[in-house]
Structure formats: C-alpha cells, structure tokens
Amino acid sequence: MKTYNNNQEMLNDLKTLKLKRDISIEELKIVKNQFKDDLSFSSWLSSAVRVTTKLGIYNLAKRILK
C-alpha cells in the first residue's frame, strides 16, 4: 500500500485513477457499439451475400472446368 506525504499526492493519484476509469468506460462503450454493429441485420445480410457470391463463383468455375 502506498503512503502519501501530503494531500496533494493523494489528490493527484485520485485524479489519475479517475481518468483511467473514464478512459476504460469510453473504451467499453466503443466495444459495445462495435459488437452491436456486428450483430445488426445489415451486417448479417452482407455476410450472407458475400458467402453466396463466393459459392456461386466456385460452382461456376467447377462447371467450366468439367
């Protein structure tokens, strides 16, 4: 445990800890929004279209090469 020589040292540490806490909260908000965007319908739809396109190209190439 840290010992403080005066009130100013303690206040500086408290301010630093509060800023670190605020930064962590903002980072969590960003991660939450990114996660929400990843679960959105448009994200799922674009992924499905991308996979379907790749499968279509694969099947087309397979038929051409036969």
N, C-alpha and C. Protein backbone atom coordinates (compact mmCIF):
# COMPACT_ATOMS: atom_id res chain seq x y z
N MET A 1 0.84 -1.17 0.00
CA MET A 1 0.00 0.00 0.00
C MET A 1 0.89 1.24 0.00
N LYS A 2 0.49 2.20 -0.77
CA LYS A 2 1.28 3.42 -0.90
C LYS A 2 0.99 4.36 0.25
N THR A 3 2.04 4.99 0.74
CA THR A 3 1.86 6.01 1.79
C THR A 3 2.08 7.37 1.17
N TYR A 4 1.28 8.30 1.54
CA TYR A 4 1.33 9.65 0.98
C TYR A 4 1.92 10.60 2.00
N ASN A 5 2.75 11.52 1.48
CA ASN A 5 3.37 12.51 2.36
C ASN A 5 2.49 13.73 2.57
N ASN A 6 1.62 13.99 1.60
CA ASN A 6 0.72 15.14 1.74
C ASN A 6 -0.56 14.89 0.95
N ASN A 7 -1.48 15.79 1.12
CA ASN A 7 -2.79 15.66 0.46
C ASN A 7 -2.67 15.79 -1.05
N GLN A 8 -1.75 16.58 -1.53
CA GLN A 8 -1.63 16.82 -2.97
C GLN A 8 -1.26 15.53 -3.70
N GLU A 9 -0.38 14.73 -3.14
CA GLU A 9 -0.03 13.44 -3.75
C GLU A 9 -1.24 12.53 -3.84
N MET A 10 -2.01 12.51 -2.79
CA MET A 10 -3.21 11.68 -2.77
C MET A 10 -4.22 12.16 -3.81
N LEU A 11 -4.41 13.46 -3.90
CA LEU A 11 -5.35 14.03 -4.87
C LEU A 11 -4.89 13.75 -6.31
N ASN A 12 -3.59 13.84 -6.54
CA ASN A 12 -3.06 13.55 -7.88
C ASN A 12 -3.31 12.10 -8.26
N ASP A 13 -3.09 11.19 -7.32
CA ASP A 13 -3.36 9.78 -7.60
C ASP A 13 -4.85 9.54 -7.86
N LEU A 14 -5.70 10.18 -7.09
CA LEU A 14 -7.15 10.04 -7.28
C LEU A 14 -7.57 10.56 -8.65
N LYS A 15 -7.01 11.69 -9.07
CA LYS A 15 -7.33 12.23 -10.40
C LYS A 15 -6.87 11.28 -11.50
N THR A 16 -5.67 10.72 -11.32
CA THR A 16 -5.14 9.78 -12.30
C THR A 16 -6.04 8.55 -12.40
N LEU A 17 -6.43 8.02 -11.26
CA LEU A 17 -7.30 6.85 -11.26
C LEU A 17 -8.66 7.14 -11.88
N LYS A 18 -9.20 8.33 -11.63
CA LYS A 18 -10.48 8.72 -12.21
C LYS A 18 -10.36 8.82 -13.74
N LEU A 19 -9.27 9.39 -14.22
CA LEU A 19 -9.07 9.50 -15.66
C LEU A 19 -8.93 8.11 -16.30
N LYS A 20 -8.19 7.21 -15.64
CA LYS A 20 -8.06 5.86 -16.16
C LYS A 20 -9.41 5.17 -16.20
N ARG A 21 -10.22 5.39 -15.19
CA ARG A 21 -11.55 4.79 -15.15
C ARG A 21 -12.41 5.34 -16.28
N ASP A 22 -12.37 6.66 -16.48
CA ASP A 22 -13.16 7.27 -17.56
C ASP A 22 -12.73 6.76 -18.93
N ILE A 23 -11.43 6.59 -19.13
CA ILE A 23 -10.93 6.06 -20.40
C ILE A 23 -11.44 4.64 -20.61
N SER A 24 -11.39 3.83 -19.56
CA SER A 24 -11.87 2.45 -19.67
C SER A 24 -13.35 2.39 -20.00
N ILE A 25 -14.13 3.27 -19.40
CA ILE A 25 -15.57 3.32 -19.67
C ILE A 25 -15.81 3.68 -21.14
N GLU A 26 -15.08 4.64 -21.66
CA GLU A 26 -15.24 5.03 -23.06
C GLU A 26 -14.84 3.89 -24.00
N GLU A 27 -13.77 3.17 -23.65
CA GLU A 27 -13.36 2.03 -24.47
C GLU A 27 -14.45 0.95 -24.47
N LEU A 28 -15.07 0.72 -23.33
CA LEU A 28 -16.17 -0.25 -23.27
C LEU A 28 -17.36 0.18 -24.12
N LYS A 29 -17.64 1.47 -24.14
CA LYS A 29 -18.73 1.98 -24.98
C LYS A 29 -18.44 1.71 -26.46
N ILE A 30 -17.18 1.92 -26.85
CA ILE A 30 -16.79 1.68 -28.25
C ILE A 30 -16.95 0.21 -28.59
N VAL A 31 -16.48 -0.67 -27.71
CA VAL A 31 -16.58 -2.11 -27.96
C VAL A 31 -18.04 -2.53 -28.03
N LYS A 32 -18.88 -1.96 -27.16
CA LYS A 32 -20.31 -2.28 -27.17
C LYS A 32 -20.93 -1.89 -28.50
N ASN A 33 -20.62 -0.70 -29.00
CA ASN A 33 -21.18 -0.25 -30.27
C ASN A 33 -20.68 -1.10 -31.44
N GLN A 34 -19.41 -1.49 -31.40
CA GLN A 34 -18.89 -2.35 -32.46
C GLN A 34 -19.58 -3.70 -32.44
N PHE A 35 -19.80 -4.24 -31.25
CA PHE A 35 -20.49 -5.52 -31.12
C PHE A 35 -21.92 -5.42 -31.62
N LYS A 36 -22.58 -4.31 -31.28
CA LYS A 36 -23.96 -4.11 -31.73
C LYS A 36 -24.01 -4.01 -33.25
N ASP A 37 -23.04 -3.33 -33.84
CA ASP A 37 -22.98 -3.22 -35.30
C ASP A 37 -22.74 -4.58 -35.95
N ASP A 38 -21.89 -5.40 -35.31
CA ASP A 38 -21.61 -6.73 -35.86
C ASP A 38 -22.85 -7.62 -35.83
N LEU A 39 -23.75 -7.39 -34.91
CA LEU A 39 -24.94 -8.22 -34.80
C LEU A 39 -26.13 -7.65 -35.58
N SER A 40 -25.94 -6.54 -36.25
CA SER A 40 -27.05 -5.92 -36.96
C SER A 40 -27.44 -6.75 -38.18
N PHE A 41 -28.68 -6.56 -38.62
CA PHE A 41 -29.22 -7.31 -39.76
C PHE A 41 -28.43 -7.04 -41.03
N SER A 42 -28.06 -5.79 -41.25
CA SER A 42 -27.33 -5.45 -42.48
C SER A 42 -25.97 -6.13 -42.51
N SER A 43 -25.35 -6.30 -41.37
CA SER A 43 -24.07 -6.99 -41.31
C SER A 43 -24.24 -8.46 -41.67
N TRP A 44 -25.27 -9.08 -41.12
CA TRP A 44 -25.55 -10.47 -41.43
C TRP A 44 -25.90 -10.63 -42.92
N LEU A 45 -26.67 -9.70 -43.43
CA LEU A 45 -27.07 -9.78 -44.83
C LEU A 45 -25.87 -9.64 -45.76
N SER A 46 -24.99 -8.71 -45.47
CA SER A 46 -23.81 -8.54 -46.33
C SER A 46 -22.90 -9.77 -46.25
N SER A 47 -22.80 -10.38 -45.08
CA SER A 47 -22.01 -11.61 -44.95
C SER A 47 -22.63 -12.73 -45.76
N ALA A 48 -23.93 -12.84 -45.71
CA ALA A 48 -24.62 -13.89 -46.47
C ALA A 48 -24.43 -13.68 -47.96
N VAL A 49 -24.53 -12.45 -48.42
CA VAL A 49 -24.33 -12.15 -49.84
C VAL A 49 -22.90 -12.48 -50.25
N ARG A 50 -21.96 -12.15 -49.41
CA ARG A 50 -20.55 -12.42 -49.72
C ARG A 50 -20.30 -13.93 -49.84
N VAL A 51 -20.84 -14.71 -48.92
CA VAL A 51 -20.66 -16.16 -48.95
C VAL A 51 -21.36 -16.76 -50.17
N THR A 52 -22.57 -16.30 -50.44
CA THR A 52 -23.32 -16.80 -51.59
C THR A 52 -22.58 -16.50 -52.89
N THR A 53 -22.00 -15.33 -53.00
CA THR A 53 -21.24 -14.95 -54.19
C THR A 53 -20.03 -15.86 -54.37
N LYS A 54 -19.33 -16.11 -53.27
CA LYS A 54 -18.16 -16.99 -53.36
C LYS A 54 -18.56 -18.40 -53.78
N LEU A 55 -19.66 -18.90 -53.22
CA LEU A 55 -20.13 -20.23 -53.59
C LEU A 55 -20.56 -20.28 -55.05
N GLY A 56 -21.21 -19.22 -55.52
CA GLY A 56 -21.64 -19.15 -56.92
C GLY A 56 -20.46 -19.15 -57.86
N ILE A 57 -19.45 -18.38 -57.54
CA ILE A 57 -18.25 -18.35 -58.38
C ILE A 57 -17.56 -19.70 -58.37
N TYR A 58 -17.51 -20.33 -57.20
CA TYR A 58 -16.89 -21.66 -57.10
C TYR A 58 -17.64 -22.67 -57.97
N ASN A 59 -18.96 -22.67 -57.88
CA ASN A 59 -19.76 -23.61 -58.70
C ASN A 59 -19.62 -23.33 -60.19
N LEU A 60 -19.59 -22.07 -60.57
CA LEU A 60 -19.41 -21.69 -61.96
C LEU A 60 -18.06 -22.16 -62.49
N ALA A 61 -17.01 -21.94 -61.70
CA ALA A 61 -15.68 -22.39 -62.11
C ALA A 61 -15.62 -23.90 -62.19
N LYS A 62 -16.29 -24.58 -61.29
CA LYS A 62 -16.30 -26.04 -61.28
C LYS A 62 -16.99 -26.57 -62.55
N ARG A 63 -18.10 -25.94 -62.97
CA ARG A 63 -18.80 -26.36 -64.19
C ARG A 63 -17.99 -26.08 -65.43
N ILE A 64 -17.29 -24.98 -65.46
CA ILE A 64 -16.49 -24.62 -66.63
C ILE A 64 -15.32 -25.59 -66.79
N LEU A 65 -14.72 -25.98 -65.70
CA LEU A 65 -13.55 -26.85 -65.75
C LEU A 65 -13.89 -28.31 -66.03
N LYS A 66 -15.16 -28.69 -65.98
CA LYS A 66 -15.55 -30.08 -66.25
C LYS A 66 -15.52 -30.39 -67.70
